[in-house]
Each structure stands twice: as C-alpha cells, then as structure tokens.
Amino acid sequence: PVQDQGTVGTCWAFSTVGNVEGQHFLKTNQTINLSEEFLVDCDGTHDD
C-alpha cells in the first residue's frame, strides 16, 4: 500500500524497501511489507 513518509528526508528508505518488496514478489509470488524504519534507524553506510 501507498505510505506517507511525513516531512522528513526518508524517501531513500521507502524507495529501497519498495524495490526489495517488488523483487521478492517477482521471485516468490509472495507479498511482504518490510521495514523502512529499520533502515532509517540502523543504516549508516557511507563511501567517499
């Protein structure tokens, strides 16, 4: 379902999770709802 990120800059997390959910469906034919908040809280990945 469509979600609302509010007024904070978390579109990157919703974009990522939405794509992962879609790829999972194409692979397994199963619908899942995964956590954007997990990325927002825990992901501090960086490069140069």
All heavy atoms as atom14 arrays in JSON, in Angstrom:
{
  "sequence": "PVQDQGTVGTCWAFSTVGNVEGQHFLKTNQTINLSEEFLVDCDGTHDD",
  "atom14_mask": [
    [1, 1, 1, 1, 1, 1, 1, 0, 0, 0, 0, 0, 0, 0],
    [1, 1, 1, 1, 1, 1, 1, 0, 0, 0, 0, 0, 0, 0],
    [1, 1, 1, 1, 1, 1, 1, 1, 1, 0, 0, 0, 0, 0],
    [1, 1, 1, 1, 1, 1, 1, 1, 0, 0, 0, 0, 0, 0],
    [1, 1, 1, 1, 1, 1, 1, 1, 1, 0, 0, 0, 0, 0],
    [1, 1, 1, 1, 0, 0, 0, 0, 0, 0, 0, 0, 0, 0],
    [1, 1, 1, 1, 1, 1, 1, 0, 0, 0, 0, 0, 0, 0],
    [1, 1, 1, 1, 1, 1, 1, 0, 0, 0, 0, 0, 0, 0],
    [1, 1, 1, 1, 0, 0, 0, 0, 0, 0, 0, 0, 0, 0],
    [1, 1, 1, 1, 1, 1, 1, 0, 0, 0, 0, 0, 0, 0],
    [1, 1, 1, 1, 1, 1, 0, 0, 0, 0, 0, 0, 0, 0],
    [1, 1, 1, 1, 1, 1, 1, 1, 1, 1, 1, 1, 1, 1],
    [1, 1, 1, 1, 1, 0, 0, 0, 0, 0, 0, 0, 0, 0],
    [1, 1, 1, 1, 1, 1, 1, 1, 1, 1, 1, 0, 0, 0],
    [1, 1, 1, 1, 1, 1, 0, 0, 0, 0, 0, 0, 0, 0],
    [1, 1, 1, 1, 1, 1, 1, 0, 0, 0, 0, 0, 0, 0],
    [1, 1, 1, 1, 1, 1, 1, 0, 0, 0, 0, 0, 0, 0],
    [1, 1, 1, 1, 0, 0, 0, 0, 0, 0, 0, 0, 0, 0],
    [1, 1, 1, 1, 1, 1, 1, 1, 0, 0, 0, 0, 0, 0],
    [1, 1, 1, 1, 1, 1, 1, 0, 0, 0, 0, 0, 0, 0],
    [1, 1, 1, 1, 1, 1, 1, 1, 1, 0, 0, 0, 0, 0],
    [1, 1, 1, 1, 0, 0, 0, 0, 0, 0, 0, 0, 0, 0],
    [1, 1, 1, 1, 1, 1, 1, 1, 1, 0, 0, 0, 0, 0],
    [1, 1, 1, 1, 1, 1, 1, 1, 1, 1, 0, 0, 0, 0],
    [1, 1, 1, 1, 1, 1, 1, 1, 1, 1, 1, 0, 0, 0],
    [1, 1, 1, 1, 1, 1, 1, 1, 0, 0, 0, 0, 0, 0],
    [1, 1, 1, 1, 1, 1, 1, 1, 1, 0, 0, 0, 0, 0],
    [1, 1, 1, 1, 1, 1, 1, 0, 0, 0, 0, 0, 0, 0],
    [1, 1, 1, 1, 1, 1, 1, 1, 0, 0, 0, 0, 0, 0],
    [1, 1, 1, 1, 1, 1, 1, 1, 1, 0, 0, 0, 0, 0],
    [1, 1, 1, 1, 1, 1, 1, 0, 0, 0, 0, 0, 0, 0],
    [1, 1, 1, 1, 1, 1, 1, 1, 0, 0, 0, 0, 0, 0],
    [1, 1, 1, 1, 1, 1, 1, 1, 0, 0, 0, 0, 0, 0],
    [1, 1, 1, 1, 1, 1, 1, 1, 0, 0, 0, 0, 0, 0],
    [1, 1, 1, 1, 1, 1, 0, 0, 0, 0, 0, 0, 0, 0],
    [1, 1, 1, 1, 1, 1, 1, 1, 1, 0, 0, 0, 0, 0],
    [1, 1, 1, 1, 1, 1, 1, 1, 1, 0, 0, 0, 0, 0],
    [1, 1, 1, 1, 1, 1, 1, 1, 1, 1, 1, 0, 0, 0],
    [1, 1, 1, 1, 1, 1, 1, 1, 0, 0, 0, 0, 0, 0],
    [1, 1, 1, 1, 1, 1, 1, 0, 0, 0, 0, 0, 0, 0],
    [1, 1, 1, 1, 1, 1, 1, 1, 0, 0, 0, 0, 0, 0],
    [1, 1, 1, 1, 1, 1, 0, 0, 0, 0, 0, 0, 0, 0],
    [1, 1, 1, 1, 1, 1, 1, 1, 0, 0, 0, 0, 0, 0],
    [1, 1, 1, 1, 0, 0, 0, 0, 0, 0, 0, 0, 0, 0],
    [1, 1, 1, 1, 1, 1, 1, 0, 0, 0, 0, 0, 0, 0],
    [1, 1, 1, 1, 1, 1, 1, 1, 1, 1, 0, 0, 0, 0],
    [1, 1, 1, 1, 1, 1, 1, 1, 0, 0, 0, 0, 0, 0],
    [1, 1, 1, 1, 1, 1, 1, 1, 0, 0, 0, 0, 0, 0]
  ],
  "atom14_positions": [
    [[0.82, -1.22, 0.0], [0.0, 0.0, 0.0], [0.85, 1.27, 0.0], [2.0, 1.28, 0.47], [-0.8, -0.12, 1.3], [-0.82, -1.58, 1.61], [0.49, -2.11, 1.13], [0.0, 0.0, 0.0], [0.0, 0.0, 0.0], [0.0, 0.0, 0.0], [0.0, 0.0, 0.0], [0.0, 0.0, 0.0], [0.0, 0.0, 0.0], [0.0, 0.0, 0.0]],
    [[0.29, 2.35, -0.54], [0.96, 3.65, -0.54], [1.15, 4.11, 0.89], [0.27, 3.94, 1.74], [0.14, 4.68, -1.33], [0.76, 6.06, -1.23], [0.04, 4.25, -2.79], [0.0, 0.0, 0.0], [0.0, 0.0, 0.0], [0.0, 0.0, 0.0], [0.0, 0.0, 0.0], [0.0, 0.0, 0.0], [0.0, 0.0, 0.0], [0.0, 0.0, 0.0]],
    [[2.31, 4.7, 1.18], [2.62, 5.17, 2.52], [3.0, 6.65, 2.48], [3.25, 7.22, 1.43], [3.76, 4.35, 3.12], [3.47, 2.86, 3.2], [4.64, 2.07, 3.71], [4.91, 2.03, 4.9], [5.36, 1.45, 2.8], [0.0, 0.0, 0.0], [0.0, 0.0, 0.0], [0.0, 0.0, 0.0], [0.0, 0.0, 0.0], [0.0, 0.0, 0.0]],
    [[3.07, 7.24, 3.66], [3.41, 8.65, 3.8], [4.64, 8.78, 4.68], [4.61, 8.39, 5.85], [2.23, 9.41, 4.41], [2.47, 10.91, 4.5], [3.56, 11.37, 4.09], [1.58, 11.62, 4.98], [0.0, 0.0, 0.0], [0.0, 0.0, 0.0], [0.0, 0.0, 0.0], [0.0, 0.0, 0.0], [0.0, 0.0, 0.0], [0.0, 0.0, 0.0]],
    [[5.74, 9.31, 4.14], [6.98, 9.43, 4.9], [6.96, 10.62, 5.84], [7.87, 10.78, 6.67], [8.17, 9.57, 3.96], [8.26, 10.91, 3.27], [9.41, 10.97, 2.28], [9.44, 10.19, 1.32], [10.34, 11.88, 2.49], [0.0, 0.0, 0.0], [0.0, 0.0, 0.0], [0.0, 0.0, 0.0], [0.0, 0.0, 0.0], [0.0, 0.0, 0.0]],
    [[5.95, 11.47, 5.76], [5.93, 12.67, 6.59], [6.79, 13.76, 5.99], [7.01, 13.8, 4.77], [0.0, 0.0, 0.0], [0.0, 0.0, 0.0], [0.0, 0.0, 0.0], [0.0, 0.0, 0.0], [0.0, 0.0, 0.0], [0.0, 0.0, 0.0], [0.0, 0.0, 0.0], [0.0, 0.0, 0.0], [0.0, 0.0, 0.0], [0.0, 0.0, 0.0]],
    [[7.33, 14.63, 6.83], [8.1, 15.78, 6.34], [9.59, 15.6, 6.56], [10.34, 16.58, 6.56], [7.63, 17.06, 7.04], [7.77, 16.91, 8.47], [6.18, 17.36, 6.7], [0.0, 0.0, 0.0], [0.0, 0.0, 0.0], [0.0, 0.0, 0.0], [0.0, 0.0, 0.0], [0.0, 0.0, 0.0], [0.0, 0.0, 0.0], [0.0, 0.0, 0.0]],
    [[10.05, 14.37, 6.74], [11.48, 14.11, 6.94], [12.07, 13.48, 5.68], [11.35, 12.99, 4.81], [11.72, 13.2, 8.16], [11.33, 13.91, 9.44], [10.93, 11.9, 8.02], [0.0, 0.0, 0.0], [0.0, 0.0, 0.0], [0.0, 0.0, 0.0], [0.0, 0.0, 0.0], [0.0, 0.0, 0.0], [0.0, 0.0, 0.0], [0.0, 0.0, 0.0]],
    [[13.39, 13.46, 5.59], [14.08, 13.01, 4.38], [14.34, 11.52, 4.35], [15.5, 11.08, 4.33], [0.0, 0.0, 0.0], [0.0, 0.0, 0.0], [0.0, 0.0, 0.0], [0.0, 0.0, 0.0], [0.0, 0.0, 0.0], [0.0, 0.0, 0.0], [0.0, 0.0, 0.0], [0.0, 0.0, 0.0], [0.0, 0.0, 0.0], [0.0, 0.0, 0.0]],
    [[13.27, 10.73, 4.32], [13.44, 9.27, 4.33], [12.99, 8.61, 3.03], [12.78, 7.4, 2.99], [12.62, 8.66, 5.5], [11.26, 9.1, 5.4], [13.18, 9.09, 6.84], [0.0, 0.0, 0.0], [0.0, 0.0, 0.0], [0.0, 0.0, 0.0], [0.0, 0.0, 0.0], [0.0, 0.0, 0.0], [0.0, 0.0, 0.0], [0.0, 0.0, 0.0]],
    [[12.88, 9.4, 1.95], [12.44, 8.82, 0.68], [13.38, 7.72, 0.21], [12.95, 6.76, -0.43], [12.32, 9.91, -0.38], [13.82, 10.86, -0.66], [0.0, 0.0, 0.0], [0.0, 0.0, 0.0], [0.0, 0.0, 0.0], [0.0, 0.0, 0.0], [0.0, 0.0, 0.0], [0.0, 0.0, 0.0], [0.0, 0.0, 0.0], [0.0, 0.0, 0.0]],
    [[14.66, 7.85, 0.52], [15.65, 6.84, 0.12], [15.31, 5.47, 0.72], [15.49, 4.44, 0.06], [17.05, 7.27, 0.55], [17.2, 7.4, 2.04], [16.85, 8.48, 2.82], [17.73, 6.42, 2.94], [17.13, 8.24, 4.13], [17.67, 6.98, 4.23], [18.24, 5.14, 2.77], [18.1, 6.29, 5.36], [18.68, 4.44, 3.89], [18.61, 5.03, 5.16]],
    [[14.83, 5.45, 1.96], [14.48, 4.19, 2.62], [13.22, 3.59, 2.0], [13.15, 2.37, 1.76], [14.27, 4.42, 4.12], [0.0, 0.0, 0.0], [0.0, 0.0, 0.0], [0.0, 0.0, 0.0], [0.0, 0.0, 0.0], [0.0, 0.0, 0.0], [0.0, 0.0, 0.0], [0.0, 0.0, 0.0], [0.0, 0.0, 0.0], [0.0, 0.0, 0.0]],
    [[12.22, 4.43, 1.72], [10.99, 3.93, 1.1], [11.26, 3.42, -0.31], [10.7, 2.41, -0.74], [9.93, 5.03, 1.07], [9.25, 5.24, 2.39], [9.79, 6.09, 3.34], [8.08, 4.56, 2.69], [9.16, 6.28, 4.56], [7.45, 4.74, 3.92], [8.0, 5.61, 4.86], [0.0, 0.0, 0.0], [0.0, 0.0, 0.0], [0.0, 0.0, 0.0]],
    [[12.12, 4.12, -1.05], [12.47, 3.69, -2.4], [13.16, 2.32, -2.37], [12.83, 1.42, -3.15], [13.39, 4.73, -3.04], [13.86, 4.28, -4.28], [0.0, 0.0, 0.0], [0.0, 0.0, 0.0], [0.0, 0.0, 0.0], [0.0, 0.0, 0.0], [0.0, 0.0, 0.0], [0.0, 0.0, 0.0], [0.0, 0.0, 0.0], [0.0, 0.0, 0.0]],
    [[14.1, 2.18, -1.46], [14.84, 0.92, -1.35], [13.94, -0.24, -0.96], [13.94, -1.3, -1.6], [15.97, 1.06, -0.31], [16.84, 2.13, -0.69], [16.76, -0.23, -0.19], [0.0, 0.0, 0.0], [0.0, 0.0, 0.0], [0.0, 0.0, 0.0], [0.0, 0.0, 0.0], [0.0, 0.0, 0.0], [0.0, 0.0, 0.0], [0.0, 0.0, 0.0]],
    [[13.16, -0.04, 0.09], [12.31, -1.11, 0.59], [11.24, -1.49, -0.43], [10.96, -2.67, -0.64], [11.67, -0.7, 1.93], [10.6, -1.71, 2.35], [12.74, -0.6, 3.01], [0.0, 0.0, 0.0], [0.0, 0.0, 0.0], [0.0, 0.0, 0.0], [0.0, 0.0, 0.0], [0.0, 0.0, 0.0], [0.0, 0.0, 0.0], [0.0, 0.0, 0.0]],
    [[10.67, -0.5, -1.1], [9.68, -0.8, -2.12], [10.24, -1.65, -3.24], [9.58, -2.58, -3.73], [0.0, 0.0, 0.0], [0.0, 0.0, 0.0], [0.0, 0.0, 0.0], [0.0, 0.0, 0.0], [0.0, 0.0, 0.0], [0.0, 0.0, 0.0], [0.0, 0.0, 0.0], [0.0, 0.0, 0.0], [0.0, 0.0, 0.0], [0.0, 0.0, 0.0]],
    [[11.47, -1.38, -3.64], [12.1, -2.18, -4.68], [12.38, -3.6, -4.2], [12.16, -4.57, -4.94], [13.4, -1.51, -5.14], [14.0, -2.21, -6.33], [13.3, -2.61, -7.25], [15.31, -2.37, -6.32], [0.0, 0.0, 0.0], [0.0, 0.0, 0.0], [0.0, 0.0, 0.0], [0.0, 0.0, 0.0], [0.0, 0.0, 0.0], [0.0, 0.0, 0.0]],
    [[12.87, -3.73, -2.97], [13.14, -5.07, -2.42], [11.85, -5.88, -2.34], [11.82, -7.07, -2.68], [13.81, -4.95, -1.04], [13.89, -6.32, -0.36], [15.19, -4.34, -1.16], [0.0, 0.0, 0.0], [0.0, 0.0, 0.0], [0.0, 0.0, 0.0], [0.0, 0.0, 0.0], [0.0, 0.0, 0.0], [0.0, 0.0, 0.0], [0.0, 0.0, 0.0]],
    [[10.77, -5.23, -1.89], [9.48, -5.94, -1.83], [9.04, -6.4, -3.21], [8.54, -7.52, -3.37], [8.43, -5.01, -1.22], [8.63, -4.7, 0.25], [7.69, -3.62, 0.75], [7.08, -2.92, -0.1], [7.55, -3.47, 1.98], [0.0, 0.0, 0.0], [0.0, 0.0, 0.0], [0.0, 0.0, 0.0], [0.0, 0.0, 0.0], [0.0, 0.0, 0.0]],
    [[9.22, -5.53, -4.21], [8.83, -5.9, -5.57], [9.65, -7.03, -6.13], [9.13, -7.95, -6.78], [0.0, 0.0, 0.0], [0.0, 0.0, 0.0], [0.0, 0.0, 0.0], [0.0, 0.0, 0.0], [0.0, 0.0, 0.0], [0.0, 0.0, 0.0], [0.0, 0.0, 0.0], [0.0, 0.0, 0.0], [0.0, 0.0, 0.0], [0.0, 0.0, 0.0]],
    [[10.97, -7.0, -5.9], [11.84, -8.07, -6.36], [11.5, -9.39, -5.68], [11.54, -10.46, -6.3], [13.3, -7.7, -6.12], [13.79, -6.51, -6.93], [13.7, -6.75, -8.42], [13.89, -7.85, -8.9], [13.41, -5.68, -9.16], [0.0, 0.0, 0.0], [0.0, 0.0, 0.0], [0.0, 0.0, 0.0], [0.0, 0.0, 0.0], [0.0, 0.0, 0.0]],
    [[11.17, -9.31, -4.39], [10.78, -10.52, -3.66], [9.51, -11.12, -4.25], [9.39, -12.34, -4.4], [10.57, -10.19, -2.18], [10.2, -11.36, -1.33], [8.88, -11.75, -1.15], [10.96, -12.24, -0.62], [8.86, -12.81, -0.37], [10.1, -13.13, -0.04], [0.0, 0.0, 0.0], [0.0, 0.0, 0.0], [0.0, 0.0, 0.0], [0.0, 0.0, 0.0]],
    [[8.55, -10.25, -4.61], [7.31, -10.76, -5.2], [7.58, -11.42, -6.55], [7.03, -12.48, -6.85], [6.31, -9.61, -5.37], [5.03, -10.04, -6.04], [4.03, -10.65, -5.31], [4.85, -9.86, -7.4], [2.85, -11.07, -5.92], [3.68, -10.27, -8.02], [2.68, -10.88, -7.29], [0.0, 0.0, 0.0], [0.0, 0.0, 0.0], [0.0, 0.0, 0.0]],
    [[8.41, -10.79, -7.39], [8.72, -11.38, -8.69], [9.41, -12.73, -8.55], [9.22, -13.62, -9.37], [9.62, -10.42, -9.48], [8.99, -9.12, -9.97], [10.03, -8.24, -10.65], [7.82, -9.39, -10.9], [0.0, 0.0, 0.0], [0.0, 0.0, 0.0], [0.0, 0.0, 0.0], [0.0, 0.0, 0.0], [0.0, 0.0, 0.0], [0.0, 0.0, 0.0]],
    [[10.19, -12.88, -7.51], [10.93, -14.13, -7.31], [10.07, -15.23, -6.68], [10.19, -16.41, -7.03], [12.14, -13.86, -6.41], [13.08, -15.03, -6.22], [13.84, -15.33, -7.5], [14.89, -16.41, -7.26], [15.64, -16.72, -8.5], [0.0, 0.0, 0.0], [0.0, 0.0, 0.0], [0.0, 0.0, 0.0], [0.0, 0.0, 0.0], [0.0, 0.0, 0.0]],
    [[9.19, -14.85, -5.73], [8.48, -15.85, -4.93], [6.97, -15.84, -5.1], [6.29, -16.75, -4.63], [8.79, -15.65, -3.43], [8.21, -14.4, -3.01], [10.29, -15.63, -3.19], [0.0, 0.0, 0.0], [0.0, 0.0, 0.0], [0.0, 0.0, 0.0], [0.0, 0.0, 0.0], [0.0, 0.0, 0.0], [0.0, 0.0, 0.0], [0.0, 0.0, 0.0]],
    [[6.44, -14.76, -5.73], [4.99, -14.57, -5.85], [4.34, -14.38, -4.49], [3.16, -14.66, -4.31], [4.34, -15.74, -6.58], [3.02, -15.32, -7.24], [2.9, -14.21, -7.76], [2.03, -16.2, -7.2], [0.0, 0.0, 0.0], [0.0, 0.0, 0.0], [0.0, 0.0, 0.0], [0.0, 0.0, 0.0], [0.0, 0.0, 0.0], [0.0, 0.0, 0.0]],
    [[5.08, -13.87, -3.51], [4.57, -13.61, -2.17], [4.69, -12.13, -1.86], [5.71, -11.5, -2.11], [5.35, -14.42, -1.13], [5.2, -15.92, -1.27], [6.03, -16.68, -0.23], [6.91, -16.11, 0.4], [5.73, -17.96, -0.08], [0.0, 0.0, 0.0], [0.0, 0.0, 0.0], [0.0, 0.0, 0.0], [0.0, 0.0, 0.0], [0.0, 0.0, 0.0]],
    [[3.63, -11.57, -1.3], [3.6, -10.16, -0.92], [4.13, -10.0, 0.5], [3.68, -10.7, 1.42], [2.17, -9.6, -0.99], [1.65, -9.81, -2.29], [2.16, -8.12, -0.66], [0.0, 0.0, 0.0], [0.0, 0.0, 0.0], [0.0, 0.0, 0.0], [0.0, 0.0, 0.0], [0.0, 0.0, 0.0], [0.0, 0.0, 0.0], [0.0, 0.0, 0.0]],
    [[5.06, -9.07, 0.69], [5.59, -8.8, 2.02], [5.66, -7.28, 2.23], [5.8, -6.51, 1.28], [7.0, -9.4, 2.21], [7.95, -8.91, 1.1], [6.95, -10.91, 2.26], [9.4, -9.33, 1.33], [0.0, 0.0, 0.0], [0.0, 0.0, 0.0], [0.0, 0.0, 0.0], [0.0, 0.0, 0.0], [0.0, 0.0, 0.0], [0.0, 0.0, 0.0]],
    [[5.55, -6.87, 3.49], [5.72, -5.48, 3.87], [6.92, -5.39, 4.81], [6.87, -5.9, 5.94], [4.47, -4.95, 4.56], [3.28, -4.86, 3.62], [3.42, -4.42, 2.49], [2.12, -5.29, 4.08], [0.0, 0.0, 0.0], [0.0, 0.0, 0.0], [0.0, 0.0, 0.0], [0.0, 0.0, 0.0], [0.0, 0.0, 0.0], [0.0, 0.0, 0.0]],
    [[7.97, -4.75, 4.34], [9.22, -4.67, 5.1], [9.39, -3.3, 5.75], [8.68, -2.36, 5.45], [10.4, -4.99, 4.18], [10.36, -6.37, 3.52], [11.49, -6.52, 2.53], [10.42, -7.47, 4.59], [0.0, 0.0, 0.0], [0.0, 0.0, 0.0], [0.0, 0.0, 0.0], [0.0, 0.0, 0.0], [0.0, 0.0, 0.0], [0.0, 0.0, 0.0]],
    [[10.37, -3.2, 6.63], [10.52, -2.04, 7.48], [11.44, -0.96, 6.9], [12.63, -1.19, 6.73], [11.06, -2.47, 8.85], [11.39, -1.35, 9.65], [0.0, 0.0, 0.0], [0.0, 0.0, 0.0], [0.0, 0.0, 0.0], [0.0, 0.0, 0.0], [0.0, 0.0, 0.0], [0.0, 0.0, 0.0], [0.0, 0.0, 0.0], [0.0, 0.0, 0.0]],
    [[10.86, 0.22, 6.63], [11.69, 1.38, 6.27], [12.39, 1.94, 7.5], [13.52, 2.42, 7.42], [10.81, 2.48, 5.66], [10.22, 2.13, 4.31], [8.93, 1.36, 4.41], [8.4, 1.22, 5.53], [8.43, 0.89, 3.35], [0.0, 0.0, 0.0], [0.0, 0.0, 0.0], [0.0, 0.0, 0.0], [0.0, 0.0, 0.0], [0.0, 0.0, 0.0]],
    [[11.71, 1.87, 8.64], [12.28, 2.44, 9.87], [13.58, 1.76, 10.26], [14.47, 2.39, 10.84], [11.26, 2.32, 11.01], [11.66, 3.04, 12.28], [11.68, 4.55, 12.13], [10.93, 5.08, 11.28], [12.43, 5.21, 12.88], [0.0, 0.0, 0.0], [0.0, 0.0, 0.0], [0.0, 0.0, 0.0], [0.0, 0.0, 0.0], [0.0, 0.0, 0.0]],
    [[13.7, 0.48, 9.95], [14.94, -0.24, 10.24], [16.13, 0.41, 9.52], [17.2, 0.59, 10.12], [14.79, -1.71, 9.82], [16.02, -2.54, 10.06], [16.4, -2.89, 11.34], [16.79, -2.99, 9.0], [17.53, -3.66, 11.57], [17.93, -3.76, 9.2], [18.29, -4.1, 10.49], [0.0, 0.0, 0.0], [0.0, 0.0, 0.0], [0.0, 0.0, 0.0]],
    [[15.93, 0.77, 8.26], [16.99, 1.46, 7.53], [17.26, 2.84, 8.12], [18.42, 3.25, 8.3], [16.62, 1.6, 6.05], [16.61, 0.33, 5.21], [16.21, 0.66, 3.77], [17.96, -0.35, 5.22], [0.0, 0.0, 0.0], [0.0, 0.0, 0.0], [0.0, 0.0, 0.0], [0.0, 0.0, 0.0], [0.0, 0.0, 0.0], [0.0, 0.0, 0.0]],
    [[16.21, 3.58, 8.41], [16.35, 4.93, 8.94], [17.13, 4.91, 10.26], [18.02, 5.75, 10.49], [14.97, 5.57, 9.14], [15.1, 6.94, 9.83], [14.25, 5.73, 7.8], [0.0, 0.0, 0.0], [0.0, 0.0, 0.0], [0.0, 0.0, 0.0], [0.0, 0.0, 0.0], [0.0, 0.0, 0.0], [0.0, 0.0, 0.0], [0.0, 0.0, 0.0]],
    [[16.82, 3.94, 11.12], [17.45, 3.88, 12.44], [18.85, 3.29, 12.42], [19.72, 3.72, 13.18], [16.59, 3.05, 13.4], [15.31, 3.74, 13.8], [15.18, 4.95, 13.53], [14.42, 3.07, 14.38], [0.0, 0.0, 0.0], [0.0, 0.0, 0.0], [0.0, 0.0, 0.0], [0.0, 0.0, 0.0], [0.0, 0.0, 0.0], [0.0, 0.0, 0.0]],
    [[19.08, 2.3, 11.57], [20.27, 1.47, 11.71], [21.32, 1.62, 10.62], [22.48, 1.27, 10.82], [19.87, -0.01, 11.79], [18.67, -0.38, 13.1], [0.0, 0.0, 0.0], [0.0, 0.0, 0.0], [0.0, 0.0, 0.0], [0.0, 0.0, 0.0], [0.0, 0.0, 0.0], [0.0, 0.0, 0.0], [0.0, 0.0, 0.0], [0.0, 0.0, 0.0]],
    [[20.92, 2.1, 9.45], [21.84, 2.15, 8.31], [22.67, 3.44, 8.33], [22.14, 4.53, 8.12], [21.05, 2.06, 7.0], [21.96, 2.11, 5.78], [23.19, 1.99, 5.94], [21.43, 2.27, 4.67], [0.0, 0.0, 0.0], [0.0, 0.0, 0.0], [0.0, 0.0, 0.0], [0.0, 0.0, 0.0], [0.0, 0.0, 0.0], [0.0, 0.0, 0.0]],
    [[23.95, 3.29, 8.56], [24.88, 4.42, 8.49], [25.95, 4.2, 7.44], [27.05, 4.76, 7.52], [0.0, 0.0, 0.0], [0.0, 0.0, 0.0], [0.0, 0.0, 0.0], [0.0, 0.0, 0.0], [0.0, 0.0, 0.0], [0.0, 0.0, 0.0], [0.0, 0.0, 0.0], [0.0, 0.0, 0.0], [0.0, 0.0, 0.0], [0.0, 0.0, 0.0]],
    [[25.62, 3.41, 6.42], [26.59, 3.07, 5.37], [27.05, 4.34, 4.65], [26.28, 5.27, 4.41], [25.93, 2.12, 4.34], [25.4, 0.99, 5.03], [26.96, 1.65, 3.32], [0.0, 0.0, 0.0], [0.0, 0.0, 0.0], [0.0, 0.0, 0.0], [0.0, 0.0, 0.0], [0.0, 0.0, 0.0], [0.0, 0.0, 0.0], [0.0, 0.0, 0.0]],
    [[28.33, 4.37, 4.31], [28.87, 5.53, 3.58], [30.03, 5.08, 2.7], [30.62, 4.02, 2.9], [29.34, 6.61, 4.56], [30.45, 6.16, 5.46], [31.79, 6.24, 5.1], [30.43, 5.6, 6.7], [32.54, 5.77, 6.09], [31.74, 5.37, 7.06], [0.0, 0.0, 0.0], [0.0, 0.0, 0.0], [0.0, 0.0, 0.0], [0.0, 0.0, 0.0]],
    [[30.34, 5.92, 1.71], [31.53, 5.73, 0.91], [32.26, 7.07, 0.84], [32.08, 7.92, 1.72], [31.2, 5.16, -0.48], [30.23, 6.04, -1.27], [30.06, 7.22, -0.92], [29.66, 5.53, -2.25], [0.0, 0.0, 0.0], [0.0, 0.0, 0.0], [0.0, 0.0, 0.0], [0.0, 0.0, 0.0], [0.0, 0.0, 0.0], [0.0, 0.0, 0.0]],
    [[33.06, 7.28, -0.17], [33.86, 8.51, -0.23], [33.02, 9.76, -0.52], [33.48, 10.88, -0.26], [34.94, 8.38, -1.32], [35.97, 7.32, -0.98], [36.11, 7.01, 0.23], [36.61, 6.79, -1.91], [0.0, 0.0, 0.0], [0.0, 0.0, 0.0], [0.0, 0.0, 0.0], [0.0, 0.0, 0.0], [0.0, 0.0, 0.0], [0.0, 0.0, 0.0]]
  ]
}
